[in-house]
Amino acid sequence: MATMLSSRHAIHASRILSRRPLDVRARLVAMHSTGERVIVQARTHDVSCSGVGLTLTRELPSGTKVVLCFRLPGSETALCLQAVIARRQGFRAGLRFVQPTAEQRLLLCELCYA
């Protein structure tokens, strides 16, 4: 237990960008190795300008490329970003955004630093 807690503190301390708590529904679209499209429902925990932490309804392996869609608070339109699963533990996953547009980066940074 102490090892797990200390490794969590090390991860948080090593983050360059701060994270903001965010609890909204999200949807991930991934491509299965068979070429079939897989849709996974999720719930976000926190977000930064570079990634998001969430809980998935289905396990996806690290390295999986996905499209993540969720609504920002106060917005009617969904924000859809390309991402990759950077780390996971069971149904918890940390995604890193891949090449967000300038507009997407601005929306995320406004959310995180507002």
Protein backbone atom coordinates (compact mmCIF):
# COMPACT_ATOMS: atom_id res chain seq x y z
CA MET A 1 0.00 0.00 0.00
CA ALA A 2 2.77 2.45 0.89
CA THR A 3 4.52 1.68 -2.41
CA MET A 4 1.34 2.39 -4.35
CA LEU A 5 0.83 5.70 -2.55
CA SER A 6 4.42 6.80 -3.08
CA SER A 7 4.26 5.93 -6.79
CA ARG A 8 1.06 8.00 -7.10
CA HIS A 9 2.79 10.97 -5.47
CA ALA A 10 5.72 10.55 -7.87
CA ILE A 11 3.37 10.61 -10.88
CA HIS A 12 1.60 13.75 -9.63
CA ALA A 13 4.90 15.47 -8.83
CA SER A 14 6.31 14.67 -12.27
CA ARG A 15 3.38 16.26 -14.13
CA ILE A 16 4.29 19.44 -15.95
CA LEU A 17 0.72 20.63 -16.49
CA SER A 18 -1.79 20.92 -13.70
CA ARG A 19 -5.01 18.93 -13.85
CA ARG A 20 -8.50 20.12 -13.10
CA PRO A 21 -11.20 17.85 -11.70
CA LEU A 22 -13.86 17.14 -14.33
CA ASP A 23 -16.70 14.64 -13.95
CA VAL A 24 -18.53 14.24 -17.27
CA ARG A 25 -19.59 11.37 -19.52
CA ALA A 26 -17.27 10.55 -22.38
CA ARG A 27 -17.11 8.14 -25.29
CA LEU A 28 -14.04 6.55 -26.83
CA VAL A 29 -13.96 5.09 -30.32
CA ALA A 30 -11.12 2.63 -30.94
CA MET A 31 -10.28 0.28 -33.77
CA HIS A 32 -10.05 -3.39 -32.81
CA SER A 33 -7.20 -5.44 -34.31
CA THR A 34 -9.83 -7.05 -36.58
CA GLY A 35 -10.64 -3.63 -38.03
CA GLU A 36 -13.95 -3.46 -36.16
CA ARG A 37 -14.82 -0.15 -34.52
CA VAL A 38 -15.19 -0.43 -30.73
CA ILE A 39 -17.17 2.15 -28.73
CA VAL A 40 -16.42 2.39 -25.01
CA GLN A 41 -18.35 4.56 -22.56
CA ALA A 42 -16.34 6.37 -19.89
CA ARG A 43 -16.45 8.94 -17.11
CA THR A 44 -13.75 11.57 -16.76
CA HIS A 45 -11.96 12.29 -13.47
CA ASP A 46 -9.63 15.11 -14.40
CA VAL A 47 -8.30 16.94 -17.43
CA SER A 48 -5.22 18.94 -18.40
CA CYS A 49 -4.12 20.66 -21.59
CA SER A 50 -2.32 17.45 -22.58
CA GLY A 51 -4.55 14.61 -21.37
CA VAL A 52 -7.40 13.22 -19.33
CA GLY A 53 -7.92 10.63 -16.60
CA LEU A 54 -11.04 8.49 -16.79
CA THR A 55 -12.79 5.26 -15.90
CA LEU A 56 -13.77 3.00 -18.80
CA THR A 57 -16.63 0.51 -19.01
CA ARG A 58 -14.28 -1.88 -20.84
CA GLU A 59 -10.54 -2.45 -20.57
CA LEU A 60 -8.42 -1.19 -23.45
CA PRO A 61 -4.65 -1.85 -23.57
CA SER A 62 -2.02 0.85 -23.22
CA GLY A 63 -1.00 2.22 -26.59
CA THR A 64 -4.50 1.99 -28.06
CA LYS A 65 -5.31 4.95 -30.30
CA VAL A 66 -8.78 6.37 -29.75
CA VAL A 67 -11.02 9.30 -30.52
CA LEU A 68 -12.33 10.75 -27.26
CA CYS A 69 -15.54 12.81 -27.26
CA PHE A 70 -16.99 14.70 -24.29
CA ARG A 71 -18.80 17.95 -23.56
CA LEU A 72 -17.07 20.74 -21.72
CA PRO A 73 -19.11 22.34 -18.92
CA GLY A 74 -21.48 24.95 -20.34
CA SER A 75 -21.08 23.75 -23.93
CA GLU A 76 -23.70 22.14 -26.14
CA THR A 77 -21.20 20.71 -28.63
CA ALA A 78 -18.90 17.76 -28.05
CA LEU A 79 -15.15 18.17 -28.06
CA CYS A 80 -13.57 15.26 -29.97
CA LEU A 81 -9.83 14.67 -29.71
CA GLN A 82 -7.44 12.03 -30.95
CA ALA A 83 -5.70 10.39 -28.01
CA VAL A 84 -3.66 7.38 -26.99
CA ILE A 85 -3.97 5.37 -23.79
CA ALA A 86 -0.74 6.28 -22.02
CA ARG A 87 -1.33 4.16 -18.92
CA ARG A 88 -4.05 2.08 -17.41
CA GLN A 89 -4.84 0.04 -14.35
CA GLY A 90 -7.90 -2.12 -14.76
CA PHE A 91 -10.73 0.15 -15.87
CA ARG A 92 -8.85 3.37 -14.98
CA ALA A 93 -6.91 4.96 -17.82
CA GLY A 94 -4.80 8.01 -18.52
CA LEU A 95 -5.03 9.34 -22.07
CA ARG A 96 -2.59 11.66 -23.79
CA PHE A 97 -4.00 13.92 -26.51
CA VAL A 98 -2.40 13.49 -29.93
CA GLN A 99 -1.95 16.61 -32.07
CA PRO A 100 -4.91 18.67 -30.82
CA THR A 101 -5.79 21.63 -33.00
CA ALA A 102 -5.03 25.16 -31.80
CA GLU A 103 -8.73 25.66 -31.03
CA GLN A 104 -8.88 22.43 -29.01
CA ARG A 105 -5.74 23.38 -27.03
CA LEU A 106 -7.24 26.79 -26.30
CA LEU A 107 -10.52 25.28 -25.04
CA LEU A 108 -8.66 22.82 -22.81
CA CYS A 109 -6.28 25.42 -21.39
CA GLU A 110 -9.15 27.83 -20.71
CA LEU A 111 -10.91 25.05 -18.81
CA CYS A 112 -7.81 24.10 -16.81
CA TYR A 113 -6.68 27.59 -15.89
CA ALA A 114 -10.04 29.35 -15.48
